[in-house]
């Protein structure tokens, strides 16, 4: 009888080393799935920043909150310089969306006063 294989169902080969534990670190990482995001010129600095300061999300969130304060302050001056800027409008929409998700999870959120 001929061998029948579905698409993408080729042979699977996996090496198992019985000497090492399933959860042993490989390359300084633990876990079943380890994700490396890009290259860094200073990986030790990035590792310390993520463990000691905050995640990328926290860092970007604080920058976005500060930028929103600056935009709101400039809007309050009333010269209208930012009013028609598409990037500012897109940023405010983004901040509204972020605030909606944060509030859904009972987290503090900075929401723009006006769109």
Protein backbone atom coordinates (compact mmCIF):
# COMPACT_ATOMS: atom_id res chain seq x y z
CA UNK A 1 0.00 0.00 0.00
CA UNK A 2 1.41 3.46 -0.88
CA UNK A 3 2.24 5.99 1.84
CA UNK A 4 -0.27 8.85 1.88
CA UNK A 5 0.69 12.20 3.49
CA UNK A 6 -1.43 15.30 3.85
CA UNK A 7 0.11 18.68 2.96
CA UNK A 8 2.58 19.91 5.59
CA UNK A 9 2.58 16.48 7.26
CA UNK A 10 6.15 15.40 6.65
CA UNK A 11 8.27 13.35 9.01
CA UNK A 12 8.90 14.87 12.43
CA UNK A 13 12.21 14.29 14.17
CA UNK A 14 12.93 15.53 17.68
CA UNK A 15 16.10 14.89 19.64
CA UNK A 16 15.58 14.16 23.31
CA UNK A 17 18.53 14.21 25.67
CA UNK A 18 17.60 12.14 28.74
CA UNK A 19 20.56 13.50 30.70
CA UNK A 20 19.21 17.05 30.96
CA UNK A 21 15.99 18.00 32.65
CA UNK A 22 13.02 19.14 30.56
CA UNK A 23 13.00 22.46 32.44
CA UNK A 24 16.73 23.09 32.46
CA UNK A 25 17.88 26.50 31.25
CA UNK A 26 19.11 26.82 27.70
CA UNK A 27 21.14 29.90 26.94
CA UNK A 28 20.19 31.47 30.27
CA UNK A 29 16.44 31.13 29.67
CA UNK A 30 13.82 29.03 31.41
CA UNK A 31 10.49 27.89 30.07
CA UNK A 32 8.79 25.96 27.35
CA UNK A 33 8.62 28.94 24.98
CA UNK A 34 11.28 31.62 24.92
CA UNK A 35 10.91 34.62 22.64
CA UNK A 36 13.80 36.79 21.53
CA UNK A 37 12.73 40.16 20.18
CA UNK A 38 15.38 41.60 17.89
CA UNK A 39 19.02 42.33 18.45
CA UNK A 40 20.46 44.67 21.04
CA UNK A 41 23.83 46.33 21.18
CA UNK A 42 23.67 46.00 24.99
CA UNK A 43 21.59 42.93 25.92
CA UNK A 44 22.63 43.05 29.58
CA UNK A 45 21.35 46.64 29.86
CA UNK A 46 18.03 45.64 28.27
CA UNK A 47 17.74 42.65 30.61
CA UNK A 48 18.35 44.86 33.66
CA UNK A 49 15.93 47.52 32.42
CA UNK A 50 13.18 44.96 31.92
CA UNK A 51 13.73 43.32 35.29
CA UNK A 52 14.53 46.43 37.40
CA UNK A 53 12.64 49.31 35.73
CA UNK A 54 9.65 48.01 33.83
CA UNK A 55 8.37 46.18 30.79
CA UNK A 56 8.38 47.77 27.37
CA UNK A 57 4.65 48.34 27.78
CA UNK A 58 5.14 50.20 31.04
CA UNK A 59 7.94 52.33 29.60
CA UNK A 60 5.99 53.20 26.45
CA UNK A 61 2.84 53.82 28.50
CA UNK A 62 4.58 56.36 30.71
CA UNK A 63 6.05 58.13 27.67
CA UNK A 64 2.61 58.21 26.02
CA UNK A 65 0.99 59.58 29.20
CA UNK A 66 3.63 62.33 29.42
CA UNK A 67 3.23 63.19 25.74
CA UNK A 68 -0.53 63.42 26.21
CA UNK A 69 -0.01 65.91 29.07
CA UNK A 70 2.19 68.05 26.81
CA UNK A 71 -0.36 67.92 23.97
CA UNK A 72 -3.23 68.79 26.34
CA UNK A 73 -1.21 71.71 27.71
CA UNK A 74 -0.47 73.03 24.21
CA UNK A 75 -4.14 72.63 23.26
CA UNK A 76 -5.13 74.63 26.34
CA UNK A 77 -2.98 77.56 25.19
CA UNK A 78 -5.58 78.06 22.47
CA UNK A 79 -3.36 78.95 19.52
CA UNK A 80 -4.77 76.02 17.52
CA UNK A 81 -1.34 74.90 16.34
CA UNK A 82 -2.03 71.23 17.10
CA UNK A 83 -5.72 71.21 16.23
CA UNK A 84 -5.41 70.05 12.63
CA UNK A 85 -2.34 67.85 12.96
CA UNK A 86 -3.18 64.31 11.77
CA UNK A 87 -0.46 62.72 13.92
CA UNK A 88 -1.83 64.40 17.06
CA UNK A 89 -5.38 63.34 16.18
CA UNK A 90 -4.22 59.74 15.59
CA UNK A 91 -2.31 59.78 18.88
CA UNK A 92 -5.39 60.97 20.77
CA UNK A 93 -7.48 58.20 19.18
CA UNK A 94 -4.80 55.69 20.17
CA UNK A 95 -4.83 57.01 23.74
CA UNK A 96 -8.64 56.71 23.85
CA UNK A 97 -8.36 53.07 22.75
CA UNK A 98 -5.61 52.35 25.28
CA UNK A 99 -7.65 54.02 28.05
CA UNK A 100 -10.69 51.89 27.17
CA UNK A 101 -8.68 48.67 27.51
CA UNK A 102 -6.98 49.81 30.73
CA UNK A 103 -10.31 50.82 32.30
CA UNK A 104 -11.79 47.45 31.35
CA UNK A 105 -9.06 45.91 33.50
CA UNK A 106 -9.53 48.42 36.35
CA UNK A 107 -6.22 50.16 35.62
CA UNK A 108 -5.53 53.88 35.79
CA UNK A 109 -5.75 55.47 32.35
CA UNK A 110 -4.98 58.88 30.84
CA UNK A 111 -7.75 59.79 28.42
CA UNK A 112 -7.56 62.88 26.17
CA UNK A 113 -10.04 65.63 27.07
CA UNK A 114 -10.97 66.30 23.46
CA UNK A 115 -10.64 64.37 20.22
